[in-house]
Amino acid sequence: MAHDWAAASGRGVVHSWTVCHHPFHMGFKAQSPYVLLTVELDEGVRAMGQLRGLDPARLRLGLRVVVDFEREGDGPVLPIFRPASG
C-alpha cells in the first residue's frame, strides 16, 4: 500500500474517549483523572490526545475539536484537543 505525508487541518470530531485514572508512564505528569480522546480528523485519519477546556461531563460523540500542542515538562510536545469555537 502506498503512503505519503500530507498536511492536516487539526480539526475533527470526537470518535471515542476513555477516562484514565493512572498515567501511562511514570514520567507523564497528567492530573488524574484525565480524558484521552480519539479524534477523527477532517482528512479521514484518527489521532489521539488529551482533552482540554471542557468539562468531561459535557463530552459527546461527534463534538467538533481542534488540536493544540503542549510541552510535557522538559519532555516531548504532545497533542491536545480543545472544543472548536463556532
N, C-alpha and C. Protein backbone atom coordinates (compact mmCIF):
# COMPACT_ATOMS: atom_id res chain seq x y z
N MET A 1 0.85 -1.18 0.00
CA MET A 1 0.00 0.00 0.00
C MET A 1 0.90 1.24 0.00
N ALA A 2 0.68 2.16 -0.91
CA ALA A 2 1.45 3.39 -0.99
C ALA A 2 0.96 4.37 0.08
N HIS A 3 1.87 5.18 0.57
CA HIS A 3 1.50 6.20 1.54
C HIS A 3 2.40 7.41 1.34
N ASP A 4 1.99 8.53 1.90
CA ASP A 4 2.74 9.76 1.77
C ASP A 4 2.36 10.68 2.92
N TRP A 5 3.18 11.69 3.18
CA TRP A 5 2.89 12.70 4.18
C TRP A 5 1.93 13.72 3.58
N ALA A 6 1.02 14.22 4.40
CA ALA A 6 0.10 15.27 3.96
C ALA A 6 -0.21 16.19 5.15
N ALA A 7 -0.37 17.45 4.88
CA ALA A 7 -0.74 18.40 5.93
C ALA A 7 -2.17 18.11 6.38
N ALA A 8 -2.43 18.29 7.66
CA ALA A 8 -3.77 18.09 8.21
C ALA A 8 -4.22 19.39 8.88
N SER A 9 -5.49 19.63 8.88
CA SER A 9 -6.05 20.86 9.44
C SER A 9 -5.99 20.90 10.96
N GLY A 10 -5.96 19.71 11.59
CA GLY A 10 -6.01 19.66 13.05
C GLY A 10 -7.43 19.75 13.58
N ARG A 11 -8.41 19.74 12.70
CA ARG A 11 -9.82 19.81 13.10
C ARG A 11 -10.48 18.46 12.85
N GLY A 12 -11.42 18.13 13.73
CA GLY A 12 -12.12 16.87 13.56
C GLY A 12 -13.24 16.71 14.57
N VAL A 13 -13.70 15.47 14.73
CA VAL A 13 -14.79 15.16 15.66
C VAL A 13 -14.35 14.05 16.61
N VAL A 14 -14.91 14.08 17.81
CA VAL A 14 -14.62 13.05 18.80
C VAL A 14 -15.20 11.73 18.30
N HIS A 15 -14.33 10.73 18.18
CA HIS A 15 -14.73 9.39 17.76
C HIS A 15 -14.97 8.50 18.98
N SER A 16 -14.11 8.63 19.98
CA SER A 16 -14.28 7.89 21.24
C SER A 16 -13.39 8.53 22.30
N TRP A 17 -13.53 8.07 23.54
CA TRP A 17 -12.68 8.56 24.62
C TRP A 17 -12.64 7.56 25.75
N THR A 18 -11.67 7.77 26.61
CA THR A 18 -11.56 6.98 27.83
C THR A 18 -11.12 7.91 28.95
N VAL A 19 -11.57 7.64 30.16
CA VAL A 19 -11.15 8.39 31.34
C VAL A 19 -10.06 7.57 32.02
N CYS A 20 -8.88 8.17 32.11
CA CYS A 20 -7.71 7.48 32.67
C CYS A 20 -7.49 7.94 34.11
N HIS A 21 -7.24 6.98 34.99
CA HIS A 21 -7.03 7.30 36.40
C HIS A 21 -5.58 7.14 36.82
N HIS A 22 -4.75 6.61 35.94
CA HIS A 22 -3.33 6.44 36.21
C HIS A 22 -2.54 6.84 34.98
N PRO A 23 -1.41 7.56 35.17
CA PRO A 23 -0.60 7.90 34.00
C PRO A 23 -0.05 6.65 33.33
N PHE A 24 0.12 6.70 32.00
CA PHE A 24 0.60 5.52 31.29
C PHE A 24 2.10 5.36 31.39
N HIS A 25 2.79 6.36 31.93
CA HIS A 25 4.25 6.28 32.13
C HIS A 25 4.60 7.13 33.33
N MET A 26 5.57 6.71 34.12
CA MET A 26 5.93 7.44 35.34
C MET A 26 6.38 8.87 35.05
N GLY A 27 6.94 9.14 33.87
CA GLY A 27 7.38 10.48 33.51
C GLY A 27 6.26 11.39 33.05
N PHE A 28 5.07 10.85 32.91
CA PHE A 28 3.92 11.59 32.44
C PHE A 28 3.24 12.24 33.63
N LYS A 29 3.08 13.55 33.63
CA LYS A 29 2.61 14.28 34.80
C LYS A 29 1.15 14.71 34.72
N ALA A 30 0.32 13.99 34.03
CA ALA A 30 -1.10 14.36 33.90
C ALA A 30 -1.79 14.29 35.25
N GLN A 31 -2.72 15.22 35.46
CA GLN A 31 -3.53 15.15 36.66
C GLN A 31 -4.58 14.09 36.46
N SER A 32 -4.78 13.27 37.46
CA SER A 32 -5.77 12.20 37.36
C SER A 32 -7.08 12.66 37.97
N PRO A 33 -8.19 12.26 37.41
CA PRO A 33 -8.29 11.55 36.14
C PRO A 33 -8.14 12.52 34.97
N TYR A 34 -7.82 11.99 33.81
CA TYR A 34 -7.75 12.81 32.60
C TYR A 34 -8.45 12.05 31.48
N VAL A 35 -8.86 12.79 30.45
CA VAL A 35 -9.61 12.21 29.34
C VAL A 35 -8.70 12.12 28.12
N LEU A 36 -8.61 10.92 27.56
CA LEU A 36 -7.84 10.69 26.34
C LEU A 36 -8.84 10.48 25.20
N LEU A 37 -8.75 11.34 24.19
CA LEU A 37 -9.68 11.30 23.05
C LEU A 37 -9.07 10.57 21.86
N THR A 38 -9.92 9.92 21.10
CA THR A 38 -9.60 9.51 19.74
C THR A 38 -10.45 10.41 18.86
N VAL A 39 -9.78 11.15 17.96
CA VAL A 39 -10.43 12.14 17.13
C VAL A 39 -10.32 11.73 15.66
N GLU A 40 -11.43 11.74 14.96
CA GLU A 40 -11.40 11.52 13.52
C GLU A 40 -11.20 12.88 12.86
N LEU A 41 -9.99 13.09 12.30
CA LEU A 41 -9.69 14.35 11.66
C LEU A 41 -10.49 14.50 10.38
N ASP A 42 -10.71 15.73 9.97
CA ASP A 42 -11.49 16.00 8.75
C ASP A 42 -10.90 15.30 7.53
N GLU A 43 -9.60 15.03 7.55
CA GLU A 43 -8.94 14.37 6.43
C GLU A 43 -9.14 12.86 6.43
N GLY A 44 -9.81 12.31 7.47
CA GLY A 44 -10.16 10.90 7.48
C GLY A 44 -9.26 10.00 8.31
N VAL A 45 -8.22 10.54 8.92
CA VAL A 45 -7.36 9.72 9.79
C VAL A 45 -7.71 10.03 11.24
N ARG A 46 -7.29 9.16 12.13
CA ARG A 46 -7.59 9.35 13.55
C ARG A 46 -6.31 9.71 14.31
N ALA A 47 -6.48 10.53 15.32
CA ALA A 47 -5.38 10.97 16.17
C ALA A 47 -5.83 10.89 17.62
N MET A 48 -4.86 10.79 18.52
CA MET A 48 -5.18 10.72 19.94
C MET A 48 -4.53 11.88 20.68
N GLY A 49 -5.19 12.34 21.73
CA GLY A 49 -4.64 13.39 22.57
C GLY A 49 -5.57 13.63 23.74
N GLN A 50 -5.07 14.37 24.72
CA GLN A 50 -5.87 14.68 25.89
C GLN A 50 -6.88 15.78 25.59
N LEU A 51 -7.96 15.77 26.34
CA LEU A 51 -8.99 16.80 26.28
C LEU A 51 -8.60 17.96 27.18
N ARG A 52 -8.78 19.18 26.69
CA ARG A 52 -8.60 20.40 27.48
C ARG A 52 -9.77 21.33 27.21
N GLY A 53 -10.12 22.13 28.21
CA GLY A 53 -11.09 23.20 28.01
C GLY A 53 -12.54 22.80 27.97
N LEU A 54 -12.86 21.61 28.47
CA LEU A 54 -14.26 21.17 28.50
C LEU A 54 -14.46 20.24 29.68
N ASP A 55 -15.54 20.46 30.41
CA ASP A 55 -15.92 19.55 31.48
C ASP A 55 -16.21 18.18 30.85
N PRO A 56 -15.55 17.11 31.30
CA PRO A 56 -15.78 15.79 30.71
C PRO A 56 -17.25 15.36 30.71
N ALA A 57 -18.06 15.88 31.62
CA ALA A 57 -19.48 15.54 31.64
C ALA A 57 -20.20 16.07 30.40
N ARG A 58 -19.62 17.06 29.71
CA ARG A 58 -20.24 17.63 28.51
C ARG A 58 -19.71 17.00 27.22
N LEU A 59 -18.82 16.06 27.35
CA LEU A 59 -18.23 15.40 26.19
C LEU A 59 -19.26 14.52 25.50
N ARG A 60 -19.23 14.51 24.15
CA ARG A 60 -20.16 13.67 23.40
C ARG A 60 -19.51 13.26 22.07
N LEU A 61 -19.97 12.15 21.53
CA LEU A 61 -19.50 11.72 20.22
C LEU A 61 -19.88 12.77 19.19
N GLY A 62 -18.99 13.01 18.24
CA GLY A 62 -19.26 13.97 17.19
C GLY A 62 -18.93 15.41 17.54
N LEU A 63 -18.51 15.67 18.78
CA LEU A 63 -18.14 17.03 19.19
C LEU A 63 -16.98 17.53 18.32
N ARG A 64 -17.09 18.73 17.77
CA ARG A 64 -16.02 19.32 16.97
C ARG A 64 -14.89 19.78 17.89
N VAL A 65 -13.67 19.39 17.54
CA VAL A 65 -12.49 19.76 18.31
C VAL A 65 -11.38 20.21 17.36
N VAL A 66 -10.38 20.87 17.96
CA VAL A 66 -9.22 21.33 17.21
C VAL A 66 -7.97 20.98 18.03
N VAL A 67 -6.90 20.63 17.33
CA VAL A 67 -5.67 20.24 18.00
C VAL A 67 -4.88 21.47 18.45
N ASP A 68 -4.16 21.31 19.53
CA ASP A 68 -3.18 22.27 20.03
C ASP A 68 -2.03 21.41 20.52
N PHE A 69 -0.97 22.01 21.00
CA PHE A 69 0.18 21.23 21.45
C PHE A 69 0.70 21.79 22.76
N GLU A 70 1.12 20.90 23.67
CA GLU A 70 1.70 21.29 24.96
C GLU A 70 2.99 20.52 25.17
N ARG A 71 3.96 21.20 25.76
CA ARG A 71 5.21 20.53 26.13
C ARG A 71 5.02 19.91 27.51
N GLU A 72 5.43 18.68 27.66
CA GLU A 72 5.34 17.94 28.92
C GLU A 72 6.66 18.12 29.66
N GLY A 73 6.74 19.17 30.53
CA GLY A 73 7.97 19.44 31.28
C GLY A 73 9.12 19.70 30.32
N ASP A 74 10.22 18.98 30.53
CA ASP A 74 11.37 19.07 29.62
C ASP A 74 11.27 18.04 28.51
N GLY A 75 10.16 17.32 28.48
CA GLY A 75 9.98 16.21 27.55
C GLY A 75 9.37 16.63 26.23
N PRO A 76 8.62 15.70 25.65
CA PRO A 76 8.08 15.91 24.30
C PRO A 76 6.92 16.90 24.27
N VAL A 77 6.64 17.38 23.08
CA VAL A 77 5.45 18.19 22.82
C VAL A 77 4.34 17.22 22.44
N LEU A 78 3.22 17.30 23.16
CA LEU A 78 2.13 16.35 22.96
C LEU A 78 0.90 17.03 22.38
N PRO A 79 0.14 16.33 21.53
CA PRO A 79 -1.11 16.91 21.02
C PRO A 79 -2.19 16.88 22.10
N ILE A 80 -2.96 17.95 22.15
CA ILE A 80 -4.14 18.01 23.00
C ILE A 80 -5.29 18.50 22.12
N PHE A 81 -6.51 18.28 22.55
CA PHE A 81 -7.67 18.73 21.78
C PHE A 81 -8.55 19.60 22.65
N ARG A 82 -9.03 20.68 22.04
CA ARG A 82 -9.96 21.62 22.69
C ARG A 82 -11.22 21.70 21.85
N PRO A 83 -12.36 22.05 22.46
CA PRO A 83 -13.57 22.26 21.66
C PRO A 83 -13.32 23.32 20.60
N ALA A 84 -13.81 23.10 19.39
CA ALA A 84 -13.68 24.09 18.32
C ALA A 84 -14.68 25.21 18.58
N SER A 85 -14.27 26.43 18.35
CA SER A 85 -15.20 27.55 18.53
C SER A 85 -16.07 27.66 17.29
N GLY A 86 -17.29 28.06 17.54
CA GLY A 86 -18.21 28.27 16.42
C GLY A 86 -18.79 27.07 15.94
